[in-house]
Amino acid sequence: MLSNLPRDTRQQLVRYGIVGLVSNAVLYGAYLLLSAAGVGHKASMTSVYCAGVLGTFLFNRRWTFAHTGAIPGAMFRYIATYAIGYVFNVVSLAVMVDYAGLPHQWVMLVLVFACAGIIFLLQRFWCFPTRRA
């Protein structure tokens, strides 16, 4: 399936995956530490989410998508993209943990991957668009 994608898209997916795996592993660890220290699951997720957005902007802009456009516009679109992901995460946590009673650790782990595809597409085509000749 990936072999049908253009080479630049495959490279971006791999780089996005690397940035995502490393940052999410670190952030998930921070989430577990915060929640183990008594911080609520939604407050913990909010803290690590904000740190993750700021921390991954530069990596995704320069390394993943090789974007050379204006930083302020890209940053605004990037933050908006992650705001959408944030709302999805908070609502999902509230429904799955607070109402359905599922363990927050597993719900959060699944949500990390659930957002990744949509966020990749938004970054590729909206945050860091490639200029075509």
N, C-alpha and C. Protein backbone atom coordinates (compact mmCIF):
# COMPACT_ATOMS: atom_id res chain seq x y z
N MET A 1 0.82 -1.19 0.00
CA MET A 1 0.00 0.00 0.00
C MET A 1 0.86 1.26 0.00
N LEU A 2 1.87 1.32 0.87
CA LEU A 2 2.77 2.48 0.89
C LEU A 2 3.56 2.60 -0.40
N SER A 3 3.83 1.47 -1.06
CA SER A 3 4.62 1.52 -2.29
C SER A 3 3.89 2.26 -3.41
N ASN A 4 2.58 2.42 -3.29
CA ASN A 4 1.81 3.16 -4.30
C ASN A 4 1.89 4.67 -4.11
N LEU A 5 2.40 5.10 -2.97
CA LEU A 5 2.53 6.54 -2.70
C LEU A 5 3.77 7.11 -3.36
N PRO A 6 3.74 8.40 -3.70
CA PRO A 6 4.95 9.03 -4.22
C PRO A 6 6.10 8.94 -3.22
N ARG A 7 7.32 8.91 -3.74
CA ARG A 7 8.51 8.75 -2.90
C ARG A 7 8.59 9.81 -1.80
N ASP A 8 8.30 11.07 -2.13
CA ASP A 8 8.39 12.12 -1.11
C ASP A 8 7.37 11.91 0.00
N THR A 9 6.19 11.41 -0.34
CA THR A 9 5.17 11.14 0.68
C THR A 9 5.61 9.99 1.58
N ARG A 10 6.20 8.95 0.99
CA ARG A 10 6.71 7.83 1.80
C ARG A 10 7.79 8.30 2.76
N GLN A 11 8.71 9.13 2.27
CA GLN A 11 9.76 9.67 3.15
C GLN A 11 9.16 10.50 4.27
N GLN A 12 8.17 11.32 3.94
CA GLN A 12 7.52 12.14 4.96
C GLN A 12 6.82 11.27 6.00
N LEU A 13 6.17 10.21 5.56
CA LEU A 13 5.51 9.31 6.50
C LEU A 13 6.50 8.65 7.44
N VAL A 14 7.64 8.23 6.91
CA VAL A 14 8.67 7.60 7.74
C VAL A 14 9.21 8.61 8.75
N ARG A 15 9.54 9.80 8.29
CA ARG A 15 10.06 10.83 9.19
C ARG A 15 9.02 11.25 10.22
N TYR A 16 7.79 11.42 9.78
CA TYR A 16 6.69 11.74 10.70
C TYR A 16 6.55 10.64 11.74
N GLY A 17 6.66 9.41 11.30
CA GLY A 17 6.58 8.28 12.22
C GLY A 17 7.70 8.29 13.25
N ILE A 18 8.91 8.59 12.82
CA ILE A 18 10.04 8.66 13.74
C ILE A 18 9.84 9.77 14.77
N VAL A 19 9.51 10.96 14.29
CA VAL A 19 9.26 12.08 15.21
C VAL A 19 8.12 11.72 16.16
N GLY A 20 7.07 11.15 15.62
CA GLY A 20 5.91 10.79 16.43
C GLY A 20 6.21 9.72 17.46
N LEU A 21 6.91 8.67 17.05
CA LEU A 21 7.22 7.59 17.98
C LEU A 21 8.10 8.07 19.13
N VAL A 22 9.15 8.80 18.79
CA VAL A 22 10.06 9.28 19.83
C VAL A 22 9.36 10.25 20.76
N SER A 23 8.67 11.25 20.17
CA SER A 23 8.03 12.25 21.02
C SER A 23 6.89 11.64 21.83
N ASN A 24 6.10 10.77 21.23
CA ASN A 24 4.98 10.17 21.97
C ASN A 24 5.44 9.20 23.05
N ALA A 25 6.54 8.52 22.83
CA ALA A 25 7.07 7.65 23.89
C ALA A 25 7.48 8.48 25.10
N VAL A 26 8.19 9.57 24.84
CA VAL A 26 8.61 10.46 25.92
C VAL A 26 7.39 11.09 26.60
N LEU A 27 6.45 11.57 25.80
CA LEU A 27 5.28 12.24 26.34
C LEU A 27 4.35 11.27 27.07
N TYR A 28 4.23 10.04 26.58
CA TYR A 28 3.41 9.05 27.28
C TYR A 28 4.03 8.72 28.64
N GLY A 29 5.35 8.63 28.67
CA GLY A 29 6.03 8.42 29.96
C GLY A 29 5.76 9.57 30.91
N ALA A 30 5.81 10.80 30.39
CA ALA A 30 5.52 11.97 31.22
C ALA A 30 4.07 11.95 31.70
N TYR A 31 3.15 11.53 30.82
CA TYR A 31 1.74 11.40 31.18
C TYR A 31 1.56 10.42 32.34
N LEU A 32 2.21 9.26 32.23
CA LEU A 32 2.10 8.26 33.30
C LEU A 32 2.69 8.78 34.61
N LEU A 33 3.82 9.48 34.52
CA LEU A 33 4.42 10.05 35.73
C LEU A 33 3.51 11.09 36.38
N LEU A 34 2.97 11.97 35.57
CA LEU A 34 2.08 13.00 36.11
C LEU A 34 0.83 12.38 36.75
N SER A 35 0.23 11.42 36.05
CA SER A 35 -0.98 10.82 36.60
C SER A 35 -0.66 9.99 37.84
N ALA A 36 0.51 9.34 37.89
CA ALA A 36 0.92 8.59 39.09
C ALA A 36 1.19 9.53 40.26
N ALA A 37 1.57 10.76 39.95
CA ALA A 37 1.84 11.75 41.00
C ALA A 37 0.56 12.41 41.51
N GLY A 38 -0.58 11.98 40.96
CA GLY A 38 -1.85 12.50 41.46
C GLY A 38 -2.50 13.55 40.58
N VAL A 39 -1.87 13.90 39.46
CA VAL A 39 -2.48 14.85 38.54
C VAL A 39 -3.57 14.10 37.77
N GLY A 40 -4.72 14.67 37.60
CA GLY A 40 -5.83 14.02 36.90
C GLY A 40 -5.49 13.68 35.46
N HIS A 41 -6.18 12.70 34.89
CA HIS A 41 -5.84 12.24 33.54
C HIS A 41 -6.03 13.31 32.48
N LYS A 42 -7.04 14.16 32.60
CA LYS A 42 -7.23 15.21 31.60
C LYS A 42 -6.19 16.32 31.76
N ALA A 43 -5.85 16.67 32.97
CA ALA A 43 -4.81 17.68 33.20
C ALA A 43 -3.45 17.16 32.77
N SER A 44 -3.17 15.90 33.02
CA SER A 44 -1.91 15.29 32.57
C SER A 44 -1.82 15.31 31.06
N MET A 45 -2.91 14.91 30.40
CA MET A 45 -2.92 14.90 28.94
C MET A 45 -2.74 16.31 28.39
N THR A 46 -3.37 17.29 29.00
CA THR A 46 -3.23 18.68 28.55
C THR A 46 -1.78 19.14 28.63
N SER A 47 -1.13 18.85 29.73
CA SER A 47 0.26 19.26 29.91
C SER A 47 1.18 18.64 28.87
N VAL A 48 1.08 17.33 28.69
CA VAL A 48 1.99 16.69 27.74
C VAL A 48 1.62 17.03 26.30
N TYR A 49 0.35 17.28 26.05
CA TYR A 49 -0.07 17.65 24.70
C TYR A 49 0.55 18.97 24.28
N CYS A 50 0.47 19.97 25.16
CA CYS A 50 1.06 21.29 24.85
C CYS A 50 2.57 21.20 24.65
N ALA A 51 3.23 20.45 25.51
CA ALA A 51 4.68 20.26 25.36
C ALA A 51 5.00 19.58 24.03
N GLY A 52 4.20 18.61 23.66
CA GLY A 52 4.42 17.88 22.41
C GLY A 52 4.24 18.74 21.18
N VAL A 53 3.23 19.59 21.18
CA VAL A 53 2.97 20.47 20.04
C VAL A 53 4.17 21.39 19.80
N LEU A 54 4.62 22.02 20.84
CA LEU A 54 5.74 22.95 20.69
C LEU A 54 7.04 22.21 20.34
N GLY A 55 7.23 21.06 20.96
CA GLY A 55 8.46 20.32 20.74
C GLY A 55 8.59 19.71 19.36
N THR A 56 7.47 19.36 18.74
CA THR A 56 7.55 18.69 17.43
C THR A 56 7.44 19.65 16.24
N PHE A 57 7.04 20.89 16.47
CA PHE A 57 6.88 21.82 15.36
C PHE A 57 8.15 21.94 14.52
N LEU A 58 9.26 22.20 15.17
CA LEU A 58 10.50 22.40 14.41
C LEU A 58 10.95 21.14 13.68
N PHE A 59 10.83 19.99 14.35
CA PHE A 59 11.23 18.74 13.69
C PHE A 59 10.37 18.45 12.47
N ASN A 60 9.06 18.59 12.63
CA ASN A 60 8.18 18.29 11.50
C ASN A 60 8.31 19.33 10.40
N ARG A 61 8.46 20.58 10.76
CA ARG A 61 8.57 21.62 9.74
C ARG A 61 9.81 21.43 8.88
N ARG A 62 10.95 21.30 9.51
CA ARG A 62 12.21 21.25 8.75
C ARG A 62 12.56 19.85 8.27
N TRP A 63 12.48 18.86 9.13
CA TRP A 63 12.98 17.53 8.77
C TRP A 63 11.92 16.70 8.04
N THR A 64 10.71 16.64 8.58
CA THR A 64 9.68 15.79 7.98
C THR A 64 9.19 16.34 6.65
N PHE A 65 8.83 17.61 6.61
CA PHE A 65 8.20 18.18 5.43
C PHE A 65 9.08 19.15 4.65
N ALA A 66 10.28 19.45 5.13
CA ALA A 66 11.21 20.36 4.46
C ALA A 66 10.53 21.66 4.04
N HIS A 67 9.75 22.20 4.95
CA HIS A 67 8.98 23.40 4.67
C HIS A 67 9.88 24.63 4.79
N THR A 68 9.81 25.49 3.79
CA THR A 68 10.63 26.71 3.81
C THR A 68 9.77 27.97 3.80
N GLY A 69 8.47 27.79 3.95
CA GLY A 69 7.56 28.93 3.97
C GLY A 69 7.67 29.70 5.27
N ALA A 70 6.83 30.71 5.38
CA ALA A 70 6.82 31.58 6.56
C ALA A 70 6.48 30.78 7.82
N ILE A 71 7.26 31.04 8.86
CA ILE A 71 7.08 30.32 10.13
C ILE A 71 5.77 30.72 10.83
N PRO A 72 5.41 32.02 10.92
CA PRO A 72 4.19 32.36 11.67
C PRO A 72 2.93 31.68 11.13
N GLY A 73 2.75 31.67 9.82
CA GLY A 73 1.57 31.03 9.23
C GLY A 73 1.57 29.53 9.47
N ALA A 74 2.74 28.91 9.29
CA ALA A 74 2.85 27.47 9.53
C ALA A 74 2.60 27.14 10.99
N MET A 75 3.11 27.96 11.88
CA MET A 75 2.92 27.72 13.32
C MET A 75 1.43 27.85 13.69
N PHE A 76 0.76 28.85 13.14
CA PHE A 76 -0.67 29.01 13.41
C PHE A 76 -1.44 27.78 12.94
N ARG A 77 -1.18 27.33 11.71
CA ARG A 77 -1.87 26.15 11.18
C ARG A 77 -1.53 24.90 11.99
N TYR A 78 -0.29 24.79 12.42
CA TYR A 78 0.16 23.65 13.23
C TYR A 78 -0.57 23.61 14.57
N ILE A 79 -0.65 24.76 15.22
CA ILE A 79 -1.36 24.84 16.50
C ILE A 79 -2.84 24.55 16.31
N ALA A 80 -3.43 25.06 15.23
CA ALA A 80 -4.84 24.78 14.95
C ALA A 80 -5.07 23.29 14.72
N THR A 81 -4.15 22.66 14.01
CA THR A 81 -4.24 21.21 13.77
C THR A 81 -4.23 20.45 15.08
N TYR A 82 -3.33 20.81 15.96
CA TYR A 82 -3.24 20.12 17.23
C TYR A 82 -4.36 20.51 18.18
N ALA A 83 -4.96 21.68 17.98
CA ALA A 83 -6.14 22.05 18.77
C ALA A 83 -7.30 21.10 18.43
N ILE A 84 -7.43 20.78 17.16
CA ILE A 84 -8.44 19.81 16.73
C ILE A 84 -8.17 18.46 17.38
N GLY A 85 -6.91 18.03 17.34
CA GLY A 85 -6.53 16.78 17.98
C GLY A 85 -6.76 16.79 19.48
N TYR A 86 -6.50 17.93 20.10
CA TYR A 86 -6.69 18.07 21.54
C TYR A 86 -8.16 17.88 21.91
N VAL A 87 -9.04 18.57 21.19
CA VAL A 87 -10.48 18.44 21.47
C VAL A 87 -10.91 16.99 21.30
N PHE A 88 -10.44 16.35 20.26
CA PHE A 88 -10.75 14.93 20.04
C PHE A 88 -10.28 14.09 21.22
N ASN A 89 -9.06 14.36 21.71
CA ASN A 89 -8.51 13.60 22.83
C ASN A 89 -9.31 13.83 24.12
N VAL A 90 -9.61 15.07 24.44
CA VAL A 90 -10.34 15.36 25.68
C VAL A 90 -11.73 14.75 25.65
N VAL A 91 -12.43 14.92 24.55
CA VAL A 91 -13.78 14.35 24.44
C VAL A 91 -13.70 12.82 24.52
N SER A 92 -12.74 12.23 23.83
CA SER A 92 -12.59 10.78 23.86
C SER A 92 -12.26 10.27 25.26
N LEU A 93 -11.37 10.98 25.97
CA LEU A 93 -11.06 10.59 27.35
C LEU A 93 -12.30 10.69 28.24
N ALA A 94 -13.03 11.77 28.10
CA ALA A 94 -14.22 11.95 28.93
C ALA A 94 -15.23 10.83 28.67
N VAL A 95 -15.46 10.51 27.41
CA VAL A 95 -16.44 9.47 27.08
C VAL A 95 -15.94 8.09 27.49
N MET A 96 -14.72 7.76 27.12
CA MET A 96 -14.23 6.40 27.34
C MET A 96 -13.81 6.12 28.78
N VAL A 97 -13.30 7.14 29.48
CA VAL A 97 -12.84 6.93 30.85
C VAL A 97 -13.93 7.32 31.85
N ASP A 98 -14.41 8.55 31.76
CA ASP A 98 -15.36 9.05 32.75
C ASP A 98 -16.73 8.37 32.66
N TYR A 99 -17.19 8.06 31.44
CA TYR A 99 -18.51 7.47 31.29
C TYR A 99 -18.48 5.96 31.08
N ALA A 100 -17.54 5.47 30.26
CA ALA A 100 -17.49 4.03 29.98
C ALA A 100 -16.66 3.26 31.01
N GLY A 101 -15.84 3.98 31.78
CA GLY A 101 -15.07 3.34 32.84
C GLY A 101 -13.85 2.57 32.38
N LEU A 102 -13.38 2.84 31.15
CA LEU A 102 -12.18 2.16 30.65
C LEU A 102 -10.93 2.73 31.32
N PRO A 103 -9.85 1.95 31.43
CA PRO A 103 -8.63 2.45 32.06
C PRO A 103 -7.98 3.55 31.21
N HIS A 104 -7.71 4.68 31.84
CA HIS A 104 -7.20 5.85 31.12
C HIS A 104 -5.86 5.57 30.44
N GLN A 105 -5.03 4.72 31.02
CA GLN A 105 -3.72 4.43 30.44
C GLN A 105 -3.86 3.83 29.04
N TRP A 106 -4.79 2.89 28.90
CA TRP A 106 -4.98 2.24 27.60
C TRP A 106 -5.72 3.13 26.62
N VAL A 107 -6.68 3.87 27.11
CA VAL A 107 -7.41 4.79 26.24
C VAL A 107 -6.44 5.82 25.64
N MET A 108 -5.60 6.38 26.49
CA MET A 108 -4.64 7.39 26.01
C MET A 108 -3.68 6.79 24.99
N LEU A 109 -3.24 5.58 25.21
CA LEU A 109 -2.34 4.92 24.27
C LEU A 109 -3.00 4.75 22.90
N VAL A 110 -4.25 4.35 22.88
CA VAL A 110 -4.98 4.19 21.62
C VAL A 110 -5.20 5.54 20.94
N LEU A 111 -5.49 6.57 21.73
CA LEU A 111 -5.74 7.89 21.16
C LEU A 111 -4.51 8.48 20.48
N VAL A 112 -3.34 8.16 20.97
CA VAL A 112 -2.11 8.63 20.34
C VAL A 112 -2.10 8.22 18.87
N PHE A 113 -2.46 6.98 18.60
CA PHE A 113 -2.43 6.47 17.23
C PHE A 113 -3.65 6.90 16.42
N ALA A 114 -4.78 7.08 17.09
CA ALA A 114 -6.00 7.47 16.39
C ALA A 114 -5.86 8.85 15.75
N CYS A 115 -5.14 9.75 16.41
CA CYS A 115 -4.96 11.11 15.89
C CYS A 115 -3.87 11.20 14.81
N ALA A 116 -2.95 10.28 14.82
CA ALA A 116 -1.75 10.40 13.99
C ALA A 116 -2.05 10.54 12.49
N GLY A 117 -2.95 9.74 11.96
CA GLY A 117 -3.24 9.80 10.52
C GLY A 117 -3.84 11.12 10.08
N ILE A 118 -4.82 11.58 10.81
CA ILE A 118 -5.47 12.85 10.46
C ILE A 118 -4.49 14.00 10.60
N ILE A 119 -3.71 13.98 11.65
CA ILE A 119 -2.74 15.07 11.86
C ILE A 119 -1.67 15.05 10.77
N PHE A 120 -1.24 13.87 10.33
CA PHE A 120 -0.28 13.80 9.22
C PHE A 120 -0.87 14.47 7.98
N LEU A 121 -2.08 14.13 7.62
CA LEU A 121 -2.70 14.70 6.43
C LEU A 121 -2.84 16.22 6.53
N LEU A 122 -3.25 16.70 7.69
CA LEU A 122 -3.37 18.15 7.88
C LEU A 122 -2.01 18.83 7.78
N GLN A 123 -0.98 18.21 8.33
CA GLN A 123 0.36 18.80 8.23
C GLN A 123 0.85 18.79 6.79
N ARG A 124 0.66 17.70 6.11
CA ARG A 124 1.17 17.56 4.73
C ARG A 124 0.52 18.55 3.78
N PHE A 125 -0.79 18.69 3.89
CA PHE A 125 -1.52 19.48 2.90
C PHE A 125 -1.92 20.87 3.36
N TRP A 126 -1.91 21.13 4.66
CA TRP A 126 -2.34 22.44 5.14
C TRP A 126 -1.23 23.18 5.89
N CYS A 127 -0.60 22.56 6.86
CA CYS A 127 0.43 23.24 7.66
C CYS A 127 1.68 23.53 6.86
N PHE A 128 2.17 22.50 6.17
CA PHE A 128 3.45 22.58 5.47
C PHE A 128 3.27 22.18 4.01
N PRO A 129 2.46 22.90 3.24
CA PRO A 129 2.21 22.48 1.87
C PRO A 129 3.46 22.58 1.01
N THR A 130 3.55 21.66 0.07
CA THR A 130 4.67 21.67 -0.87
C THR A 130 4.29 22.54 -2.04
N ARG A 131 5.19 23.42 -2.40
CA ARG A 131 4.93 24.28 -3.56
C ARG A 131 5.21 23.49 -4.83
N ARG A 132 4.23 23.43 -5.69
CA ARG A 132 4.37 22.71 -6.96
C ARG A 132 4.63 23.71 -8.07
N ALA A 133 5.52 23.31 -8.97
CA ALA A 133 5.84 24.20 -10.10
C ALA A 133 4.73 24.22 -11.11
